């Protein structure tokens, strides 16, 4: 349905946290909403006010000009009906979708199992079960879902018994205007990294699920690999101690949390970005972001990570927990890295605009 001259509404309901709290879920909300606004839609984000138990609506700036056609000139499929897009089960339970007779279309974007993440964090069984029950009941309110990987689409279907035809597979995107290669020598100097070393790194929350201990153990098998880890989390002391126990503390650097503005600098400083997650990876935006900076990516086969690597996946994916396999791939990158051109092309094919257009086509089809 063409909506030339109209200004359809899209409202995103996120987590019970400020939208600027770092994380993949918020990155998706901000990237998708910005792309929708650039299509000429009227877009807002409903998020919790910092330090208060209330929500406020923040408008997402639009480039104006109404709904614009894709590059090929074909008219985009845009529904003029308003859509309320939910991203988190607890928030959807607190701010449920309107009654069935409402003209507003409620859609749930499945980023991963809330209960499963709690289990991975070591929370008690009663808490995990309580969260699963919230999820189960909440998802029964929706008739339309999206998932960012085939792996998580199957999880939604099998674990929560959502009919497969109700779930659209729509990959997220990356902002290649922001995530782009920087001068390696300059950014290494800025981070205080050795200019002539082979540097592998990871930008992750420091929790056991992310598998950063596996990265340290794999790096210990190489005498000349320098490791840099960005991010905060409760596993920092254990990781620091492990680096010392492995005898590589002198070539491991923990940067702590870094500002969003310098994330492309971080990726550009690396010879290789490693994502050694153990489980529950819905997609892996960090893989796209690193490739958009021209940096090779090695990832485990957890969840949707192989899908994030796209054409790079067959050569640069290792089985979850396989330290020897990860060490082998680090050596392979050092000896025969993928062409930067291929990495940039892979990332360029996954834009937020493309994600928004596919999302809008799905919305439009739901009304027919």
Protein backbone atom coordinates (compact mmCIF):
# COMPACT_ATOMS: atom_id res chain seq x y z
CA UNK A 1 0.00 0.00 0.00
CA UNK A 2 1.42 3.35 -0.96
CA UNK A 3 1.28 6.09 1.62
CA UNK A 4 2.59 9.07 -0.31
CA UNK A 5 1.80 12.25 1.58
CA UNK A 6 0.70 10.36 4.72
CA UNK A 7 2.69 10.11 7.94
CA UNK A 8 2.06 6.68 9.45
CA UNK A 9 2.94 6.28 13.14
CA UNK A 10 5.42 3.81 14.57
CA UNK A 11 5.96 3.66 18.35
CA UNK A 12 8.69 1.51 19.91
CA UNK A 13 8.24 0.23 23.46
CA UNK A 14 11.60 -0.85 24.83
CA UNK A 15 12.96 -2.23 28.09
CA UNK A 16 12.42 -0.80 31.54
CA UNK A 17 15.58 1.25 31.13
CA UNK A 18 16.70 4.45 29.48
CA UNK A 19 17.13 4.04 25.73
CA UNK A 20 20.77 5.15 25.97
CA UNK A 21 21.77 2.19 28.18
CA UNK A 22 24.23 0.20 26.02
CA UNK A 23 23.14 -3.13 24.58
CA UNK A 24 22.08 -4.91 21.43
CA UNK A 25 18.36 -4.48 22.05
CA UNK A 26 18.61 -0.71 22.38
CA UNK A 27 20.93 -0.57 19.37
CA UNK A 28 18.22 -2.28 17.32
CA UNK A 29 15.53 0.11 18.55
CA UNK A 30 17.62 3.16 17.74
CA UNK A 31 18.83 1.88 14.38
CA UNK A 32 15.42 0.70 13.18
CA UNK A 33 13.55 3.76 14.42
CA UNK A 34 16.03 6.11 12.74
CA UNK A 35 15.63 4.22 9.45
CA UNK A 36 11.84 4.38 9.75
CA UNK A 37 12.04 8.12 10.35
CA UNK A 38 14.23 8.45 7.26
CA UNK A 39 11.46 6.74 5.30
CA UNK A 40 9.26 9.65 6.32
CA UNK A 41 7.34 7.87 9.09
CA UNK A 42 6.24 9.48 12.34
CA UNK A 43 8.38 7.56 14.84
CA UNK A 44 8.63 7.67 18.63
CA UNK A 45 10.33 5.65 21.37
CA UNK A 46 8.57 5.00 24.66
CA UNK A 47 11.19 4.52 27.36
CA UNK A 48 11.55 4.70 31.11
CA UNK A 49 12.66 7.98 32.66
CA UNK A 50 15.98 7.57 34.47
CA UNK A 51 15.41 7.27 38.23
CA UNK A 52 11.61 7.26 37.94
CA UNK A 53 8.93 4.62 37.59
CA UNK A 54 7.27 6.27 34.60
CA UNK A 55 7.65 6.38 30.86
CA UNK A 56 7.96 9.20 28.40
CA UNK A 57 7.74 9.43 24.62
CA UNK A 58 10.72 10.72 22.65
CA UNK A 59 10.22 11.68 19.03
CA UNK A 60 12.72 10.34 16.49
CA UNK A 61 13.74 13.08 14.03
CA UNK A 62 12.62 12.57 10.46
CA UNK A 63 14.42 13.71 7.35
CA UNK A 64 11.02 14.77 6.04
CA UNK A 65 9.56 14.61 2.57
CA UNK A 66 7.05 11.83 3.10
CA UNK A 67 7.57 8.15 2.43
CA UNK A 68 10.34 7.75 -0.12
CA UNK A 69 10.80 4.91 -2.59
CA UNK A 70 13.67 2.42 -2.45
CA UNK A 71 16.71 2.94 -4.65
CA UNK A 72 15.18 0.86 -7.44
CA UNK A 73 12.29 3.32 -7.74
CA UNK A 74 9.56 0.89 -6.73
CA UNK A 75 6.97 2.20 -4.27
CA UNK A 76 7.59 0.97 -0.70
CA UNK A 77 4.94 -1.16 0.98
CA UNK A 78 3.84 1.04 3.86
CA UNK A 79 0.70 0.64 5.95
CA UNK A 80 -0.97 3.90 6.93
CA UNK A 81 -2.21 2.20 10.10
CA UNK A 82 -0.26 2.95 13.29
CA UNK A 83 2.00 0.21 14.62
CA UNK A 84 3.13 -0.27 18.21
CA UNK A 85 6.36 -2.24 18.29
CA UNK A 86 7.26 -4.07 21.50
CA UNK A 87 10.79 -5.25 22.24
CA UNK A 88 10.73 -6.73 25.74
CA UNK A 89 8.34 -9.15 27.45
CA UNK A 90 8.20 -7.41 30.84
CA UNK A 91 7.43 -4.03 29.32
CA UNK A 92 4.77 -5.58 27.09
CA UNK A 93 3.22 -7.11 30.21
CA UNK A 94 3.20 -3.74 31.99
CA UNK A 95 2.12 -1.75 28.91
CA UNK A 96 0.05 -4.35 27.03
CA UNK A 97 -1.23 -3.91 23.47
CA UNK A 98 -4.66 -2.40 22.93
CA UNK A 99 -7.81 -4.44 22.51
CA UNK A 100 -8.33 -6.36 19.29
CA UNK A 101 -10.72 -3.73 17.95
CA UNK A 102 -8.04 -1.03 18.12
CA UNK A 103 -6.75 0.30 14.80
CA UNK A 104 -3.21 0.05 16.20
CA UNK A 105 -1.28 -3.03 15.08
CA UNK A 106 0.78 -4.54 17.94
CA UNK A 107 3.96 -6.35 16.86
CA UNK A 108 6.49 -8.08 19.10
CA UNK A 109 10.17 -8.09 18.08
CA UNK A 110 11.72 -11.17 19.69
CA UNK A 111 15.31 -10.44 20.76
CA UNK A 112 15.72 -13.50 22.95
CA UNK A 113 14.27 -15.35 25.93
CA UNK A 114 14.18 -13.20 29.07
CA UNK A 115 13.97 -16.33 31.20
CA UNK A 116 16.84 -17.99 29.31
CA UNK A 117 19.13 -15.03 29.87
CA UNK A 118 18.25 -15.09 33.58
CA UNK A 119 19.13 -18.78 33.72
CA UNK A 120 22.46 -18.07 32.02
CA UNK A 121 23.15 -15.41 34.68
CA UNK A 122 22.71 -18.00 37.41
CA UNK A 123 19.44 -16.70 38.82
CA UNK A 124 17.32 -19.01 40.96
CA UNK A 125 14.95 -21.50 39.37
CA UNK A 126 11.82 -19.79 40.80
CA UNK A 127 12.88 -16.47 39.23
CA UNK A 128 13.61 -18.11 35.89
CA UNK A 129 10.25 -19.89 35.90
CA UNK A 130 8.43 -16.68 36.88
CA UNK A 131 9.99 -14.85 33.94
CA UNK A 132 9.15 -17.70 31.59
CA UNK A 133 5.52 -17.47 32.71
CA UNK A 134 5.49 -13.71 32.04
CA UNK A 135 6.88 -14.38 28.57
CA UNK A 136 4.42 -17.17 27.83
CA UNK A 137 1.42 -15.10 28.87
CA UNK A 138 2.67 -11.97 27.12
CA UNK A 139 3.30 -13.65 23.79
CA UNK A 140 -0.26 -14.98 23.79
CA UNK A 141 -1.41 -11.35 23.36
CA UNK A 142 0.29 -10.99 19.97
CA UNK A 143 -0.51 -12.27 16.50
CA UNK A 144 2.57 -10.86 14.76
CA UNK A 145 6.26 -11.29 15.61
CA UNK A 146 9.65 -10.69 14.06
CA UNK A 147 12.93 -12.45 14.82
CA UNK A 148 16.41 -11.28 13.81
CA UNK A 149 17.76 -14.74 13.00
CA UNK A 150 16.47 -18.10 11.89
CA UNK A 151 17.92 -19.56 15.09
CA UNK A 152 15.79 -17.34 17.31
CA UNK A 153 12.78 -17.69 15.05
CA UNK A 154 12.91 -21.42 15.73
CA UNK A 155 13.32 -20.76 19.45
CA UNK A 156 10.16 -18.65 19.47
CA UNK A 157 8.28 -21.35 17.57
CA UNK A 158 9.51 -24.36 19.53
CA UNK A 159 9.99 -23.01 23.04
CA UNK A 160 7.00 -20.67 23.19
CA UNK A 161 4.73 -22.51 20.74
CA UNK A 162 4.17 -19.51 18.45
CA UNK A 163 2.78 -20.56 15.04
CA UNK A 164 5.57 -20.30 12.48
CA UNK A 165 3.48 -18.26 10.03
CA UNK A 166 3.18 -15.49 12.60
CA UNK A 167 6.94 -14.91 12.81
CA UNK A 168 8.82 -12.97 10.14
CA UNK A 169 12.59 -13.39 9.79
CA UNK A 170 14.03 -9.90 9.28
CA UNK A 171 17.76 -9.31 9.75
CA UNK A 172 18.89 -6.13 11.53
CA UNK A 173 21.26 -3.66 9.94
CA UNK A 174 24.31 -1.51 10.50
CA UNK A 175 24.95 2.20 10.02
CA UNK A 176 27.86 2.19 7.57
CA UNK A 177 28.10 5.98 7.69
CA UNK A 178 29.11 5.67 11.35
CA UNK A 179 30.77 2.25 11.39
CA UNK A 180 33.53 2.67 8.83
CA UNK A 181 37.30 2.09 8.79
CA UNK A 182 39.50 4.51 10.72
CA UNK A 183 43.27 4.99 10.54
CA UNK A 184 44.65 2.01 12.44
CA UNK A 185 47.89 3.63 13.61
CA UNK A 186 46.03 6.67 14.93
CA UNK A 187 43.36 4.77 16.84
CA UNK A 188 45.87 2.33 18.32
CA UNK A 189 47.85 5.24 19.62
CA UNK A 190 44.67 6.75 21.09
CA UNK A 191 43.88 3.51 22.94
CA UNK A 192 47.48 2.97 23.99
CA UNK A 193 47.79 -0.26 22.04
CA UNK A 194 51.07 -1.52 20.53
CA UNK A 195 51.34 -0.41 16.94
CA UNK A 196 53.19 -3.44 15.62
CA UNK A 197 51.38 -6.25 17.50
CA UNK A 198 48.76 -8.66 16.18
CA UNK A 199 45.75 -7.47 18.19
CA UNK A 200 42.57 -9.46 18.73
CA UNK A 201 39.73 -8.02 20.75
CA UNK A 202 36.13 -8.15 21.82
CA UNK A 203 33.51 -5.60 22.83
CA UNK A 204 31.15 -7.44 25.16
CA UNK A 205 29.45 -7.34 28.53
CA UNK A 206 31.80 -9.15 30.91
CA UNK A 207 29.62 -12.08 31.95
CA UNK A 208 30.30 -15.84 31.61
CA UNK A 209 27.80 -16.26 28.75
CA UNK A 210 30.00 -14.15 26.47
CA UNK A 211 32.84 -16.71 26.60
CA UNK A 212 35.68 -14.22 26.98
CA UNK A 213 37.60 -16.76 29.06
CA UNK A 214 37.72 -18.88 25.91
CA UNK A 215 39.33 -15.99 24.03
CA UNK A 216 42.03 -15.68 26.70
CA UNK A 217 42.72 -19.42 26.66
CA UNK A 218 42.95 -19.44 22.87
CA UNK A 219 45.25 -16.42 22.82
CA UNK A 220 47.54 -18.15 25.33
CA UNK A 221 48.30 -20.70 22.60
CA UNK A 222 49.90 -17.94 20.52
CA UNK A 223 53.06 -16.29 21.80
CA UNK A 224 52.62 -13.09 19.83
CA UNK A 225 48.89 -12.27 20.18
CA UNK A 226 47.83 -9.17 22.10
CA UNK A 227 44.28 -9.14 23.53
CA UNK A 228 42.16 -6.08 24.23
CA UNK A 229 38.70 -6.34 25.80
CA UNK A 230 36.22 -3.47 26.03
CA UNK A 231 33.16 -3.50 28.27
CA UNK A 232 32.12 -3.82 31.90
CA UNK A 233 30.59 -6.61 33.93
CA UNK A 234 30.88 -8.80 37.02
CA UNK A 235 33.29 -11.28 35.40
CA UNK A 236 36.09 -8.70 35.12
CA UNK A 237 38.04 -9.87 38.22
CA UNK A 238 37.89 -13.52 37.14
CA UNK A 239 39.04 -12.67 33.63
CA UNK A 240 41.89 -10.54 34.95
CA UNK A 241 42.97 -13.36 37.24
CA UNK A 242 42.74 -15.91 34.41
CA UNK A 243 45.00 -13.80 32.20
CA UNK A 244 47.58 -13.84 35.00
CA UNK A 245 47.23 -17.58 35.57
CA UNK A 246 47.74 -18.20 31.84
CA UNK A 247 50.90 -16.12 31.88
CA UNK A 248 49.57 -13.58 29.38
CA UNK A 249 48.63 -10.74 31.71
CA UNK A 250 51.33 -8.57 30.15
CA UNK A 251 49.63 -8.81 26.76
CA UNK A 252 46.00 -8.45 27.83
CA UNK A 253 44.35 -5.05 28.21
CA UNK A 254 40.93 -4.32 29.72
CA UNK A 255 39.59 -0.96 28.56
CA UNK A 256 36.37 -0.97 30.59
CA UNK A 257 33.30 0.64 29.11
CA UNK A 258 34.05 2.85 26.10
CA UNK A 259 31.90 5.63 24.70
CA UNK A 260 29.66 4.79 21.76
CA UNK A 261 31.40 7.49 19.74
CA UNK A 262 34.70 5.59 19.75
CA UNK A 263 33.36 2.08 19.07
CA UNK A 264 34.33 2.31 15.36
CA UNK A 265 37.81 3.36 16.50
CA UNK A 266 38.00 0.28 18.72
CA UNK A 267 37.09 -2.09 15.89
CA UNK A 268 39.50 -0.34 13.51
CA UNK A 269 42.32 -0.83 16.02
CA UNK A 270 41.95 -4.62 15.85
CA UNK A 271 43.44 -7.16 13.48
CA UNK A 272 40.51 -9.39 14.38
CA UNK A 273 37.29 -9.12 16.41
CA UNK A 274 36.33 -12.28 18.33
CA UNK A 275 32.80 -13.17 19.49
CA UNK A 276 33.22 -16.38 21.54
CA UNK A 277 29.70 -16.51 23.02
CA UNK A 278 28.45 -19.68 24.68
CA UNK A 279 24.71 -19.23 24.06
CA UNK A 280 21.72 -16.93 23.44
CA UNK A 281 23.05 -14.84 20.58
CA UNK A 282 19.98 -13.61 18.73
CA UNK A 283 22.03 -12.21 15.86
CA UNK A 284 25.24 -10.41 16.73
CA UNK A 285 25.21 -6.75 15.70
CA UNK A 286 28.82 -6.50 16.88
CA UNK A 287 29.82 -8.75 13.98
CA UNK A 288 28.26 -6.43 11.40
CA UNK A 289 29.71 -3.37 13.09
CA UNK A 290 33.23 -4.79 13.06
CA UNK A 291 33.00 -5.88 9.41
CA UNK A 292 31.71 -2.41 8.49
CA UNK A 293 34.99 -1.11 9.93
CA UNK A 294 36.90 -3.52 7.69
CA UNK A 295 37.87 -5.81 10.59
CA UNK A 296 37.77 -9.62 10.26
CA UNK A 297 35.41 -11.42 12.64
CA UNK A 298 35.69 -14.84 14.27
CA UNK A 299 32.55 -16.08 16.03
CA UNK A 300 31.20 -19.17 17.74
CA UNK A 301 28.19 -20.93 16.26
CA UNK A 302 25.94 -19.79 19.12
CA UNK A 303 22.45 -18.80 17.99
CA UNK A 304 22.36 -16.38 15.09
CA UNK A 305 26.07 -15.50 14.97
CA UNK A 306 26.77 -17.51 11.79
CA UNK A 307 23.88 -15.66 10.12
CA UNK A 308 25.42 -12.33 11.13
CA UNK A 309 28.69 -13.27 9.41
CA UNK A 310 26.84 -14.08 6.20
CA UNK A 311 29.17 -15.25 3.45
CA UNK A 312 32.10 -15.09 5.90
CA UNK A 313 30.54 -17.74 8.16
CA UNK A 314 31.83 -21.00 6.67
CA UNK A 315 35.47 -20.08 7.18
CA UNK A 316 35.36 -18.02 10.38
CA UNK A 317 32.94 -19.85 12.71
CA UNK A 318 34.00 -22.34 15.39
CA UNK A 319 31.92 -24.66 17.62
CA UNK A 320 30.83 -23.22 20.99
CA UNK A 321 33.50 -23.85 23.62
CA UNK A 322 36.13 -25.13 21.17
CA UNK A 323 39.29 -23.40 22.39
CA UNK A 324 41.54 -25.23 19.93
CA UNK A 325 39.23 -24.30 17.06
CA UNK A 326 39.27 -20.65 18.08
CA UNK A 327 43.05 -20.67 18.39
CA UNK A 328 43.33 -22.17 14.90
CA UNK A 329 41.13 -19.44 13.41
CA UNK A 330 43.17 -16.70 15.13
CA UNK A 331 46.26 -18.15 13.47
CA UNK A 332 44.44 -18.30 10.16
CA UNK A 333 43.51 -14.61 10.32
CA UNK A 334 47.13 -13.77 11.09
CA UNK A 335 48.39 -15.77 8.11
CA UNK A 336 45.60 -15.25 5.57
CA UNK A 337 43.00 -12.64 6.54
CA UNK A 338 39.83 -12.10 4.50
CA UNK A 339 39.92 -9.24 2.02
CA UNK A 340 38.75 -5.95 3.51
CA UNK A 341 36.66 -5.36 0.39
CA UNK A 342 34.66 -8.52 1.08
CA UNK A 343 34.03 -7.49 4.68
CA UNK A 344 32.85 -4.02 3.69
CA UNK A 345 30.56 -5.43 1.00
CA UNK A 346 29.05 -7.92 3.47
CA UNK A 347 28.24 -5.13 5.91
CA UNK A 348 26.97 -2.76 3.22
CA UNK A 349 24.39 -5.36 2.16
CA UNK A 350 22.82 -5.17 5.65
CA UNK A 351 21.56 -1.61 6.07
CA UNK A 352 19.01 -0.36 8.59
CA UNK A 353 17.09 1.07 5.64
CA UNK A 354 16.77 -2.40 4.13
CA UNK A 355 15.65 -3.73 7.53
CA UNK A 356 13.01 -0.98 7.80
CA UNK A 357 11.70 -1.62 4.29
CA UNK A 358 11.35 -5.35 4.95
CA UNK A 359 9.65 -4.59 8.25
CA UNK A 360 7.20 -2.22 6.58
CA UNK A 361 6.38 -4.78 3.89
CA UNK A 362 5.58 -7.28 6.66
CA UNK A 363 3.36 -4.75 8.44
CA UNK A 364 1.50 -3.92 5.22
CA UNK A 365 0.91 -7.59 4.51
CA UNK A 366 -0.63 -8.09 7.95
CA UNK A 367 -3.54 -5.82 7.02
CA UNK A 368 -4.45 -7.54 3.77
